[in-house]
């Protein structure tokens, strides 16, 4: 198992809305691959949302409700992307050799 400072932050939260972590020595294990796939889907959704944002903001006829929905979608996507970035940052830090 990995040391506690090398736990992987998973791209989902518990039913109690708490962060979930994975402790494993196998980056190719089932849960690691599942987390990688979920992260890929989340990043893909964020990329697709960027296209919608650009079109909506360029549309002078976009109403307040559309902009609010867009704001909520952007907030959710940003939370997911931030969680992926934190997780990947921790993975990178754990895999780098320690400098003395």
C-alpha atoms as a PDB file:
ATOM      1  CA  UNK A   1       0.000   0.000   0.000  1.00  0.00           C
ATOM      2  CA  UNK A   2       1.032   3.603  -0.483  1.00  0.00           C
ATOM      3  CA  UNK A   3       2.052   5.881   2.347  1.00  0.00           C
ATOM      4  CA  UNK A   4      -0.668   8.188   3.645  1.00  0.00           C
ATOM      5  CA  UNK A   5       0.909  11.182   1.949  1.00  0.00           C
ATOM      6  CA  UNK A   6       0.652   9.307  -1.367  1.00  0.00           C
ATOM      7  CA  UNK A   7      -3.072   8.624  -1.326  1.00  0.00           C
ATOM      8  CA  UNK A   8      -4.795   9.401  -4.595  1.00  0.00           C
ATOM      9  CA  UNK A   9      -7.673  11.832  -4.457  1.00  0.00           C
ATOM     10  CA  UNK A  10     -10.448  10.206  -6.455  1.00  0.00           C
ATOM     11  CA  UNK A  11     -12.583  12.205  -8.912  1.00  0.00           C
ATOM     12  CA  UNK A  12     -15.797  11.671  -6.963  1.00  0.00           C
ATOM     13  CA  UNK A  13     -17.085  12.384  -3.481  1.00  0.00           C
ATOM     14  CA  UNK A  14     -18.742  10.130  -0.930  1.00  0.00           C
ATOM     15  CA  UNK A  15     -22.532  10.182  -0.378  1.00  0.00           C
ATOM     16  CA  UNK A  16     -21.731  12.399   2.641  1.00  0.00           C
ATOM     17  CA  UNK A  17     -19.965  14.820   0.232  1.00  0.00           C
ATOM     18  CA  UNK A  18     -16.503  13.993   1.592  1.00  0.00           C
ATOM     19  CA  UNK A  19     -13.405  13.417  -0.546  1.00  0.00           C
ATOM     20  CA  UNK A  20     -12.541   9.818  -1.423  1.00  0.00           C
ATOM     21  CA  UNK A  21      -8.989   8.501  -1.583  1.00  0.00           C
ATOM     22  CA  UNK A  22      -7.327   5.415  -3.018  1.00  0.00           C
ATOM     23  CA  UNK A  23      -4.368   3.635  -1.470  1.00  0.00           C
ATOM     24  CA  UNK A  24      -2.701   1.203  -3.859  1.00  0.00           C
ATOM     25  CA  UNK A  25       0.701   0.264  -5.234  1.00  0.00           C
ATOM     26  CA  UNK A  26      -0.844  -0.665  -8.576  1.00  0.00           C
ATOM     27  CA  UNK A  27      -1.487   2.296 -10.898  1.00  0.00           C
ATOM     28  CA  UNK A  28      -3.025  -0.166 -13.387  1.00  0.00           C
ATOM     29  CA  UNK A  29      -5.471  -1.713 -10.926  1.00  0.00           C
ATOM     30  CA  UNK A  30      -9.223  -1.631 -11.420  1.00  0.00           C
ATOM     31  CA  UNK A  31      -9.878   1.393  -9.164  1.00  0.00           C
ATOM     32  CA  UNK A  32      -6.955   3.356 -10.610  1.00  0.00           C
ATOM     33  CA  UNK A  33      -8.191   2.721 -14.157  1.00  0.00           C
ATOM     34  CA  UNK A  34     -11.766   3.588 -13.137  1.00  0.00           C
ATOM     35  CA  UNK A  35     -10.560   6.874 -11.623  1.00  0.00           C
ATOM     36  CA  UNK A  36      -8.521   7.613 -14.781  1.00  0.00           C
ATOM     37  CA  UNK A  37     -11.601   6.992 -16.939  1.00  0.00           C
ATOM     38  CA  UNK A  38     -13.851   9.178 -14.770  1.00  0.00           C
ATOM     39  CA  UNK A  39     -11.248  11.963 -14.871  1.00  0.00           C
ATOM     40  CA  UNK A  40     -11.069  11.690 -18.665  1.00  0.00           C
ATOM     41  CA  UNK A  41     -14.865  12.003 -18.902  1.00  0.00           C
ATOM     42  CA  UNK A  42     -14.865  14.998 -16.551  1.00  0.00           C
ATOM     43  CA  UNK A  43     -12.122  16.761 -18.524  1.00  0.00           C
ATOM     44  CA  UNK A  44     -13.951  16.002 -21.774  1.00  0.00           C
ATOM     45  CA  UNK A  45     -17.161  17.494 -20.397  1.00  0.00           C
ATOM     46  CA  UNK A  46     -15.292  20.624 -19.344  1.00  0.00           C
ATOM     47  CA  UNK A  47     -13.766  20.977 -22.827  1.00  0.00           C
ATOM     48  CA  UNK A  48     -17.176  20.591 -24.461  1.00  0.00           C
ATOM     49  CA  UNK A  49     -18.663  23.118 -22.039  1.00  0.00           C
ATOM     50  CA  UNK A  50     -16.054  25.685 -23.080  1.00  0.00           C
ATOM     51  CA  UNK A  51     -17.437  25.552 -26.615  1.00  0.00           C
ATOM     52  CA  UNK A  52     -20.969  26.132 -25.328  1.00  0.00           C
ATOM     53  CA  UNK A  53     -19.762  29.008 -23.149  1.00  0.00           C
ATOM     54  CA  UNK A  54     -18.107  30.759 -26.083  1.00  0.00           C
ATOM     55  CA  UNK A  55     -21.217  30.458 -28.243  1.00  0.00           C
ATOM     56  CA  UNK A  56     -23.578  31.515 -25.460  1.00  0.00           C
ATOM     57  CA  UNK A  57     -21.531  34.542 -24.457  1.00  0.00           C
ATOM     58  CA  UNK A  58     -21.304  35.627 -28.098  1.00  0.00           C
ATOM     59  CA  UNK A  59     -25.097  35.346 -28.443  1.00  0.00           C
ATOM     60  CA  UNK A  60     -26.573  38.748 -27.628  1.00  0.00           C
ATOM     61  CA  UNK A  61     -30.008  37.117 -27.345  1.00  0.00           C
ATOM     62  CA  UNK A  62     -28.935  34.770 -24.503  1.00  0.00           C
ATOM     63  CA  UNK A  63     -31.322  35.343 -21.626  1.00  0.00           C
ATOM     64  CA  UNK A  64     -30.584  35.527 -17.929  1.00  0.00           C
ATOM     65  CA  UNK A  65     -31.798  31.967 -17.280  1.00  0.00           C
ATOM     66  CA  UNK A  66     -29.440  30.539 -19.916  1.00  0.00           C
ATOM     67  CA  UNK A  67     -26.547  32.463 -18.426  1.00  0.00           C
ATOM     68  CA  UNK A  68     -27.411  31.250 -14.913  1.00  0.00           C
ATOM     69  CA  UNK A  69     -27.578  27.626 -16.086  1.00  0.00           C
ATOM     70  CA  UNK A  70     -24.261  28.145 -17.808  1.00  0.00           C
ATOM     71  CA  UNK A  71     -22.772  29.581 -14.617  1.00  0.00           C
ATOM     72  CA  UNK A  72     -23.916  26.560 -12.611  1.00  0.00           C
ATOM     73  CA  UNK A  73     -22.520  24.167 -15.226  1.00  0.00           C
ATOM     74  CA  UNK A  74     -19.211  26.039 -15.257  1.00  0.00           C
ATOM     75  CA  UNK A  75     -19.007  25.896 -11.461  1.00  0.00           C
ATOM     76  CA  UNK A  76     -19.567  22.126 -11.447  1.00  0.00           C
ATOM     77  CA  UNK A  77     -17.038  21.585 -14.234  1.00  0.00           C
ATOM     78  CA  UNK A  78     -14.462  23.762 -12.503  1.00  0.00           C
ATOM     79  CA  UNK A  79     -14.877  21.793  -9.272  1.00  0.00           C
ATOM     80  CA  UNK A  80     -14.272  18.539 -11.175  1.00  0.00           C
ATOM     81  CA  UNK A  81     -11.268  19.884 -13.095  1.00  0.00           C
ATOM     82  CA  UNK A  82      -9.769  21.306  -9.904  1.00  0.00           C
ATOM     83  CA  UNK A  83     -10.146  17.920  -8.177  1.00  0.00           C
ATOM     84  CA  UNK A  84      -8.387  16.249 -11.135  1.00  0.00           C
ATOM     85  CA  UNK A  85      -5.591  18.844 -11.021  1.00  0.00           C
ATOM     86  CA  UNK A  86      -5.094  18.359  -7.283  1.00  0.00           C
ATOM     87  CA  UNK A  87      -5.083  14.585  -7.679  1.00  0.00           C
ATOM     88  CA  UNK A  88      -2.632  14.688 -10.587  1.00  0.00           C
ATOM     89  CA  UNK A  89      -0.448  17.178  -8.723  1.00  0.00           C
ATOM     90  CA  UNK A  90      -0.268  14.858  -5.733  1.00  0.00           C
ATOM     91  CA  UNK A  91       0.533  11.913  -8.015  1.00  0.00           C
ATOM     92  CA  UNK A  92       3.318  13.881  -9.688  1.00  0.00           C
ATOM     93  CA  UNK A  93       4.746  15.022  -6.358  1.00  0.00           C
ATOM     94  CA  UNK A  94       4.679  11.473  -5.005  1.00  0.00           C
ATOM     95  CA  UNK A  95       6.493  10.101  -8.060  1.00  0.00           C
ATOM     96  CA  UNK A  96       9.237  12.753  -8.159  1.00  0.00           C
ATOM     97  CA  UNK A  97      12.528  11.885  -6.499  1.00  0.00           C
ATOM     98  CA  UNK A  98      13.023  13.690  -3.212  1.00  0.00           C
ATOM     99  CA  UNK A  99      15.645  16.406  -3.394  1.00  0.00           C
ATOM    100  CA  UNK A 100      18.019  16.819  -0.497  1.00  0.00           C
END
